[in-house]
Amino acid sequence: MIAIVLIALAAGCASALMFASMISGALISLLLVNLAPLPLMVAAIGWGPLCATIGGIGAATVLGTIFGLPYCITFAIAVALPAWWLGHLALLGRPVATDVSSGNGAGPVAPVLEWYPVGRILLWIAVSAALTTIVALLALGADAVSIANGLRRGLLMMIGPPDTTATGEIEQLVDILVKIMPAGAAIGAMMMLTLNLWLAAKITATSGRLHRPWPDLKMTALPPLTLAALCAAIAFCFTGGLLAILAQIIASVLMMAYALTGLAVLHTLTLALKSRVLWLGCTYVIVVLFVWPVAAIASMTCSASARCTPWNSGARNLCLRVSPDRNSMVMKTVCPSRSQSKTRTMLGCVKLCSL
């Protein structure tokens, strides 16, 4: 127990120092603040959620004592709480009933655990990013006008005193940024939480502290009701006011979740290609340089999810098997409402055949 407390305090101190670096105003502080949940996530995954709880409470208390209550609340909501909850979900598992019995006087068989699905963890990352962004915006005001004015004041302070000859252009730029900042902030928060959780899992796996097998990220799938929530959020985006801002935040994080799922599918479909690294590298370069491919990937993933939902009599389970020589891949789609299944074999390019 003493070791867990010491590790928790060390993780809390590291996280608090990374979060407090934003006071310096240095450019490196932007990276450190975004990576502030990483030490607490490592503690949660490697030593349990209790370790992250102790570290988060200690770090928030120290920040509140030194810098004031706003820093304490911000750290608790944006850093400590997501790190603790996502680390808890990563270790969440339940025993699955099996037909294997010890028998013949043999020792008891270790129970087979069903771990919390990666797709649901990704959905919780989207929820955490959305809630963090919403709380930050509500701190600026309780209505859309107050939030817009607060964002506009902050942007004008960052830009500095405007030139009299370019005042109109700066005002137009600020107005555009004010409209896209809520969704952009939510997407950025989601990407950083996803990166932090992946890095924390890699660190604990390398050190041998990861208590669950490494998941197959290529098979990540979001729950079916996510698509319905996305459609509802998009519909509320056209209402206007504070409700539209909240709907834009929710729609943006859900679209990003579908985009990440689509990229996972891309990794699966390119398993049999010899030039897989080249294709994936070109795809990520295009996604980084041009933002619109992310929306295209998310739209295609949403379309595939709509065809694979149970109420559309589509496929519910997708099974992939790669040949030992990695030159072919068998993709079997099992439909729960029908007795037959569809099987596809891909040899570099997609080729249909019967197995």
Protein backbone atom coordinates (compact mmCIF):
# COMPACT_ATOMS: atom_id res chain seq x y z
CA MET A 1 0.00 0.00 0.00
CA ILE A 2 2.87 2.36 0.79
CA ALA A 3 4.35 1.72 -2.64
CA ILE A 4 1.03 2.54 -4.31
CA VAL A 5 0.77 5.80 -2.36
CA LEU A 6 4.32 6.80 -3.30
CA ILE A 7 3.68 6.02 -6.97
CA ALA A 8 0.42 7.96 -6.83
CA LEU A 9 2.12 11.01 -5.31
CA ALA A 10 4.89 10.84 -7.92
CA ALA A 11 2.34 10.64 -10.75
CA GLY A 12 0.33 13.48 -9.23
CA CYS A 13 3.41 15.69 -8.90
CA ALA A 14 4.42 15.03 -12.50
CA SER A 15 0.93 15.75 -13.77
CA ALA A 16 0.63 18.92 -11.67
CA LEU A 17 3.99 20.24 -12.88
CA MET A 18 3.05 19.60 -16.51
CA PHE A 19 -0.29 21.34 -16.01
CA ALA A 20 1.26 24.31 -14.17
CA SER A 21 3.79 24.86 -16.96
CA MET A 22 1.18 26.89 -18.87
CA ILE A 23 1.82 29.77 -16.46
CA SER A 24 5.28 30.22 -17.97
CA GLY A 25 3.81 31.01 -21.39
CA ALA A 26 6.55 29.02 -23.16
CA LEU A 27 5.73 27.19 -26.36
CA ILE A 28 6.71 23.82 -24.87
CA SER A 29 4.07 24.31 -22.18
CA LEU A 30 1.36 23.71 -24.78
CA LEU A 31 2.65 20.15 -25.27
CA LEU A 32 3.14 19.58 -21.55
CA VAL A 33 -0.39 20.69 -20.67
CA ASN A 34 -1.87 18.33 -23.26
CA LEU A 35 0.20 15.45 -21.87
CA ALA A 36 -0.70 16.22 -18.25
CA PRO A 37 -3.15 13.25 -17.95
CA LEU A 38 -0.42 10.79 -19.01
CA PRO A 39 1.22 10.17 -15.59
CA LEU A 40 -2.15 9.63 -13.91
CA MET A 41 -3.27 7.29 -16.71
CA VAL A 42 -0.08 5.25 -16.32
CA ALA A 43 -0.76 5.01 -12.59
CA ALA A 44 -4.39 4.02 -13.18
CA ILE A 45 -3.61 1.30 -15.74
CA GLY A 46 -0.46 -0.03 -14.09
CA TRP A 47 -1.40 0.19 -10.40
CA GLY A 48 -5.18 0.56 -10.39
CA PRO A 49 -7.70 3.42 -10.35
CA LEU A 50 -7.11 3.99 -6.63
CA CYS A 51 -3.55 5.04 -7.38
CA ALA A 52 -4.79 7.61 -9.92
CA THR A 53 -7.39 8.82 -7.43
CA ILE A 54 -4.79 9.51 -4.74
CA GLY A 55 -2.47 11.21 -7.23
CA GLY A 56 -5.25 13.31 -8.77
CA ILE A 57 -6.56 14.51 -5.41
CA GLY A 58 -3.07 15.37 -4.23
CA ALA A 59 -2.19 17.23 -7.42
CA ALA A 60 -5.46 19.20 -7.45
CA THR A 61 -4.99 20.14 -3.79
CA VAL A 62 -1.45 21.40 -4.36
CA LEU A 63 -2.48 23.41 -7.44
CA GLY A 64 -5.41 24.93 -5.57
CA THR A 65 -3.19 25.86 -2.63
CA ILE A 66 -0.49 27.52 -4.73
CA PHE A 67 -2.37 29.03 -7.67
CA GLY A 68 -5.96 29.26 -6.46
CA LEU A 69 -9.27 27.44 -6.69
CA PRO A 70 -9.80 27.91 -10.47
CA TYR A 71 -6.65 25.95 -11.26
CA CYS A 72 -7.73 23.22 -8.85
CA ILE A 73 -11.16 22.87 -10.48
CA THR A 74 -9.75 23.02 -14.01
CA PHE A 75 -7.18 20.33 -13.26
CA ALA A 76 -9.73 18.08 -11.60
CA ILE A 77 -12.22 18.31 -14.49
CA ALA A 78 -9.89 18.37 -17.48
CA VAL A 79 -7.04 16.12 -16.29
CA ALA A 80 -7.64 14.05 -13.16
CA LEU A 81 -11.22 12.90 -13.75
CA PRO A 82 -10.75 11.71 -17.38
CA ALA A 83 -7.46 9.99 -16.48
CA TRP A 84 -9.05 8.13 -13.57
CA TRP A 85 -12.21 7.13 -15.46
CA LEU A 86 -10.48 5.98 -18.66
CA GLY A 87 -7.91 4.03 -16.65
CA HIS A 88 -10.76 2.37 -14.75
CA LEU A 89 -12.51 1.41 -17.99
CA ALA A 90 -9.30 0.02 -19.49
CA LEU A 91 -9.05 -2.47 -16.61
CA LEU A 92 -12.75 -3.29 -16.48
CA GLY A 93 -13.48 -6.96 -17.17
CA ARG A 94 -15.94 -9.67 -16.27
CA PRO A 95 -15.60 -13.46 -16.19
CA VAL A 96 -17.11 -15.41 -19.05
CA ALA A 97 -18.70 -18.79 -18.46
CA THR A 98 -16.79 -21.61 -20.18
CA ASP A 99 -17.40 -25.32 -20.58
CA VAL A 100 -13.87 -26.17 -19.40
CA SER A 101 -13.79 -27.85 -15.98
CA SER A 102 -10.80 -28.67 -13.85
CA GLY A 103 -11.77 -32.36 -13.38
CA ASN A 104 -9.54 -35.30 -12.43
CA GLY A 105 -8.28 -33.52 -9.34
CA ALA A 106 -6.58 -30.82 -11.37
CA GLY A 107 -6.25 -27.29 -10.06
CA PRO A 108 -8.97 -24.73 -10.69
CA VAL A 109 -9.05 -23.25 -14.18
CA ALA A 110 -8.42 -19.51 -14.32
CA PRO A 111 -11.59 -17.68 -15.41
CA VAL A 112 -11.69 -16.23 -18.90
CA LEU A 113 -12.26 -12.48 -18.73
CA GLU A 114 -14.20 -10.40 -21.21
CA TRP A 115 -12.57 -6.98 -21.24
CA TYR A 116 -14.35 -3.70 -21.76
CA PRO A 117 -14.59 -3.12 -25.54
CA VAL A 118 -12.24 -0.60 -27.11
CA GLY A 119 -15.12 0.95 -29.04
CA ARG A 120 -16.93 1.84 -25.83
CA ILE A 121 -13.71 3.29 -24.38
CA LEU A 122 -13.42 5.44 -27.51
CA LEU A 123 -17.00 6.58 -26.99
CA TRP A 124 -16.21 7.52 -23.38
CA ILE A 125 -13.20 9.48 -24.61
CA ALA A 126 -15.57 11.44 -26.85
CA VAL A 127 -17.94 12.02 -23.93
CA SER A 128 -15.09 13.19 -21.69
CA ALA A 129 -13.79 15.60 -24.35
CA ALA A 130 -17.28 16.98 -24.95
CA LEU A 131 -17.98 17.50 -21.24
CA THR A 132 -14.60 19.18 -20.69
CA THR A 133 -15.21 21.59 -23.58
CA ILE A 134 -18.77 22.33 -22.48
CA VAL A 135 -17.68 23.13 -18.92
CA ALA A 136 -14.94 25.42 -20.24
CA LEU A 137 -17.40 27.28 -22.47
CA LEU A 138 -20.01 27.62 -19.73
CA ALA A 139 -17.34 29.27 -17.61
CA LEU A 140 -17.38 32.11 -20.16
CA GLY A 141 -21.13 32.60 -19.98
CA ALA A 142 -24.54 30.95 -19.79
CA ASP A 143 -25.73 31.90 -23.29
CA ALA A 144 -24.36 31.89 -26.82
CA VAL A 145 -23.73 35.65 -26.93
CA SER A 146 -21.67 35.64 -23.72
CA ILE A 147 -19.63 32.66 -24.91
CA ALA A 148 -18.97 34.28 -28.28
CA ASN A 149 -17.93 37.55 -26.65
CA GLY A 150 -15.59 35.74 -24.27
CA LEU A 151 -13.96 33.81 -27.11
CA ARG A 152 -13.66 36.99 -29.16
CA ARG A 153 -11.96 38.85 -26.31
CA GLY A 154 -9.51 36.01 -25.81
CA LEU A 155 -8.63 35.86 -29.51
CA LEU A 156 -8.14 39.62 -29.75
CA MET A 157 -5.81 39.50 -26.75
CA MET A 158 -3.79 36.75 -28.43
CA ILE A 159 -3.60 38.62 -31.73
CA GLY A 160 -2.55 41.84 -30.04
CA PRO A 161 -3.26 45.44 -31.03
CA PRO A 162 -4.73 45.37 -34.55
CA ASP A 163 -3.37 47.40 -37.40
CA THR A 164 -5.76 50.12 -38.47
CA THR A 165 -5.37 49.14 -42.12
CA ALA A 166 -6.33 45.50 -41.50
CA THR A 167 -9.02 45.88 -38.84
CA GLY A 168 -11.79 44.57 -41.08
CA GLU A 169 -9.86 41.45 -42.09
CA ILE A 170 -8.94 40.70 -38.48
CA GLU A 171 -12.57 41.04 -37.40
CA GLN A 172 -13.67 38.62 -40.11
CA LEU A 173 -10.97 36.14 -39.10
CA VAL A 174 -11.94 36.40 -35.44
CA ASP A 175 -15.62 35.86 -36.26
CA ILE A 176 -14.77 32.70 -38.21
CA LEU A 177 -12.56 31.39 -35.43
CA VAL A 178 -15.24 32.07 -32.82
CA LYS A 179 -17.68 29.90 -34.78
CA ILE A 180 -15.35 26.94 -35.20
CA MET A 181 -13.48 27.11 -31.88
CA PRO A 182 -15.99 25.07 -29.78
CA ALA A 183 -15.94 22.13 -32.19
CA GLY A 184 -12.20 22.47 -32.77
CA ALA A 185 -11.47 22.52 -29.05
CA ALA A 186 -13.58 19.40 -28.50
CA ILE A 187 -11.82 17.55 -31.33
CA GLY A 188 -8.42 18.57 -29.98
CA ALA A 189 -9.33 17.43 -26.48
CA MET A 190 -10.52 14.08 -27.81
CA MET A 191 -7.38 13.52 -29.87
CA MET A 192 -5.14 14.31 -26.90
CA LEU A 193 -7.09 12.02 -24.55
CA THR A 194 -6.86 9.23 -27.13
CA LEU A 195 -3.12 9.79 -27.53
CA ASN A 196 -2.58 9.89 -23.77
CA LEU A 197 -4.48 6.65 -23.21
CA TRP A 198 -2.59 4.89 -26.01
CA LEU A 199 0.76 6.09 -24.67
CA ALA A 200 -0.17 5.05 -21.13
CA ALA A 201 -1.16 1.58 -22.34
CA LYS A 202 2.09 1.25 -24.31
CA ILE A 203 4.18 2.33 -21.32
CA THR A 204 2.48 -0.12 -18.97
CA ALA A 205 2.66 -2.92 -21.54
CA THR A 206 6.39 -2.32 -22.03
CA SER A 207 6.98 -2.35 -18.28
CA GLY A 208 4.89 -5.50 -17.83
CA ARG A 209 2.23 -3.77 -15.71
CA LEU A 210 -0.62 -4.02 -18.23
CA HIS A 211 -3.14 -6.42 -16.66
CA ARG A 212 -5.18 -7.03 -19.82
CA PRO A 213 -4.08 -8.38 -23.20
CA TRP A 214 -3.33 -5.78 -25.82
CA PRO A 215 -6.59 -5.25 -27.73
CA ASP A 216 -6.94 -5.62 -31.47
CA LEU A 217 -7.39 -1.96 -32.34
CA LYS A 218 -8.19 -2.83 -35.95
CA MET A 219 -11.48 -4.38 -34.81
CA THR A 220 -12.70 -1.29 -32.96
CA ALA A 221 -16.45 -0.76 -33.37
CA LEU A 222 -18.71 1.85 -31.81
CA PRO A 223 -22.04 0.90 -30.21
CA PRO A 224 -24.98 1.04 -32.66
CA LEU A 225 -26.79 3.80 -30.76
CA THR A 226 -23.84 6.13 -31.41
CA LEU A 227 -25.10 6.73 -34.93
CA ALA A 228 -28.53 7.74 -33.64
CA ALA A 229 -26.92 10.15 -31.17
CA LEU A 230 -24.83 11.64 -33.97
CA CYS A 231 -27.89 12.18 -36.17
CA ALA A 232 -29.73 13.87 -33.31
CA ALA A 233 -26.75 16.12 -32.56
CA ILE A 234 -26.48 17.16 -36.21
CA ALA A 235 -30.18 18.00 -36.25
CA PHE A 236 -29.85 20.22 -33.17
CA CYS A 237 -26.92 22.06 -34.77
CA PHE A 238 -29.46 24.03 -36.85
CA THR A 239 -31.48 25.30 -33.89
CA GLY A 240 -29.26 28.24 -32.95
CA GLY A 241 -28.19 29.64 -29.61
CA LEU A 242 -26.52 27.70 -26.80
CA LEU A 243 -28.20 24.46 -27.83
CA ALA A 244 -26.60 24.66 -31.27
CA ILE A 245 -23.14 25.18 -29.74
CA LEU A 246 -23.56 22.16 -27.48
CA ALA A 247 -24.85 20.09 -30.40
CA GLN A 248 -21.85 21.09 -32.53
CA ILE A 249 -19.49 19.92 -29.79
CA ILE A 250 -21.24 16.56 -29.45
CA ALA A 251 -21.47 16.06 -33.22
CA SER A 252 -17.78 16.90 -33.71
CA VAL A 253 -16.51 14.40 -31.13
CA LEU A 254 -18.79 11.65 -32.42
CA MET A 255 -17.69 12.31 -35.99
CA MET A 256 -14.08 12.13 -34.80
CA ALA A 257 -14.83 8.80 -33.11
CA TYR A 258 -16.19 7.45 -36.39
CA ALA A 259 -13.14 8.83 -38.21
CA LEU A 260 -10.81 6.96 -35.84
CA THR A 261 -12.87 3.82 -36.35
CA GLY A 262 -12.58 4.29 -40.12
CA LEU A 263 -8.82 4.59 -39.84
CA ALA A 264 -8.82 1.32 -37.88
CA VAL A 265 -10.75 -0.31 -40.73
CA LEU A 266 -8.17 1.09 -43.16
CA HIS A 267 -5.43 -0.63 -41.18
CA THR A 268 -7.39 -3.88 -41.50
CA LEU A 269 -8.03 -3.62 -45.24
CA THR A 270 -4.36 -2.96 -45.99
CA LEU A 271 -3.03 -5.98 -44.07
CA ALA A 272 -2.55 -8.00 -47.26
CA LEU A 273 -0.82 -5.20 -49.21
CA LYS A 274 2.94 -5.30 -49.61
CA SER A 275 3.07 -1.49 -49.82
CA ARG A 276 0.94 -1.11 -46.67
CA VAL A 277 3.29 1.37 -45.00
CA LEU A 278 3.29 3.59 -48.08
CA TRP A 279 -0.51 3.60 -48.35
CA LEU A 280 -1.01 4.34 -44.67
CA GLY A 281 1.68 7.02 -44.67
CA CYS A 282 0.14 8.79 -47.66
CA THR A 283 -3.29 8.60 -46.06
CA TYR A 284 -2.15 10.17 -42.81
CA VAL A 285 -0.23 12.90 -44.64
CA ILE A 286 -3.36 13.78 -46.64
CA VAL A 287 -5.48 13.76 -43.47
CA VAL A 288 -3.06 16.10 -41.70
CA LEU A 289 -2.66 18.52 -44.62
CA PHE A 290 -6.32 18.59 -45.64
CA VAL A 291 -8.96 18.39 -42.92
CA TRP A 292 -11.86 17.34 -45.16
CA PRO A 293 -10.65 13.70 -45.61
CA VAL A 294 -11.43 13.19 -41.90
CA ALA A 295 -15.07 14.07 -42.57
CA ALA A 296 -15.08 11.77 -45.61
CA ILE A 297 -13.69 8.85 -43.57
CA ALA A 298 -16.20 9.50 -40.80
CA SER A 299 -19.09 9.65 -43.30
CA MET A 300 -18.09 6.35 -44.90
CA THR A 301 -17.80 4.73 -41.47
CA CYS A 302 -21.24 6.06 -40.49
CA SER A 303 -22.69 4.68 -43.73
CA ALA A 304 -21.15 1.28 -43.06
CA SER A 305 -22.46 1.36 -39.49
CA ALA A 306 -25.96 2.13 -40.74
CA ARG A 307 -25.86 -0.91 -43.01
CA CYS A 308 -24.51 -3.10 -40.19
CA THR A 309 -27.03 -2.23 -37.48
CA PRO A 310 -29.39 -4.94 -36.24
CA TRP A 311 -32.54 -2.99 -37.22
CA ASN A 312 -31.35 -3.00 -40.83
CA SER A 313 -30.85 -6.79 -40.90
CA GLY A 314 -27.17 -6.18 -41.59
CA ALA A 315 -24.01 -7.73 -40.31
CA ARG A 316 -23.41 -7.78 -36.61
CA ASN A 317 -20.10 -9.58 -36.36
CA LEU A 318 -17.06 -9.13 -38.59
CA CYS A 319 -14.42 -11.81 -38.47
CA LEU A 320 -11.00 -11.34 -40.06
CA ARG A 321 -8.35 -13.98 -40.56
CA VAL A 322 -4.95 -13.35 -42.13
CA SER A 323 -3.10 -16.19 -43.81
CA PRO A 324 0.30 -17.23 -42.38
CA ASP A 325 2.12 -15.82 -45.42
CA ARG A 326 0.20 -12.50 -44.99
CA ASN A 327 -0.66 -12.56 -48.71
CA SER A 328 -4.38 -13.07 -48.25
CA MET A 329 -7.04 -12.14 -45.79
CA VAL A 330 -10.43 -13.71 -45.23
CA MET A 331 -13.22 -11.43 -44.09
CA LYS A 332 -16.38 -13.17 -42.93
CA THR A 333 -19.50 -11.16 -42.18
CA VAL A 334 -22.01 -13.00 -40.00
CA CYS A 335 -25.62 -11.85 -40.03
CA PRO A 336 -27.55 -12.74 -36.86
CA SER A 337 -30.95 -12.56 -38.55
CA ARG A 338 -30.05 -14.96 -41.37
CA SER A 339 -28.70 -18.45 -41.49
CA GLN A 340 -26.13 -17.78 -44.19
CA SER A 341 -22.99 -15.67 -44.08
CA LYS A 342 -20.92 -13.83 -46.64
CA THR A 343 -17.24 -14.52 -47.03
CA ARG A 344 -14.78 -12.46 -49.00
CA THR A 345 -11.18 -13.17 -49.79
CA MET A 346 -8.85 -10.29 -50.56
CA LEU A 347 -5.60 -10.93 -52.45
CA GLY A 348 -4.08 -7.48 -52.66
CA CYS A 349 -7.17 -6.20 -54.45
CA VAL A 350 -10.67 -7.33 -53.42
CA LYS A 351 -11.77 -10.55 -55.14
CA LEU A 352 -15.02 -12.35 -54.37
CA CYS A 353 -14.98 -16.11 -54.20
CA SER A 354 -16.78 -18.88 -52.38
CA LEU A 355 -15.09 -20.65 -49.50
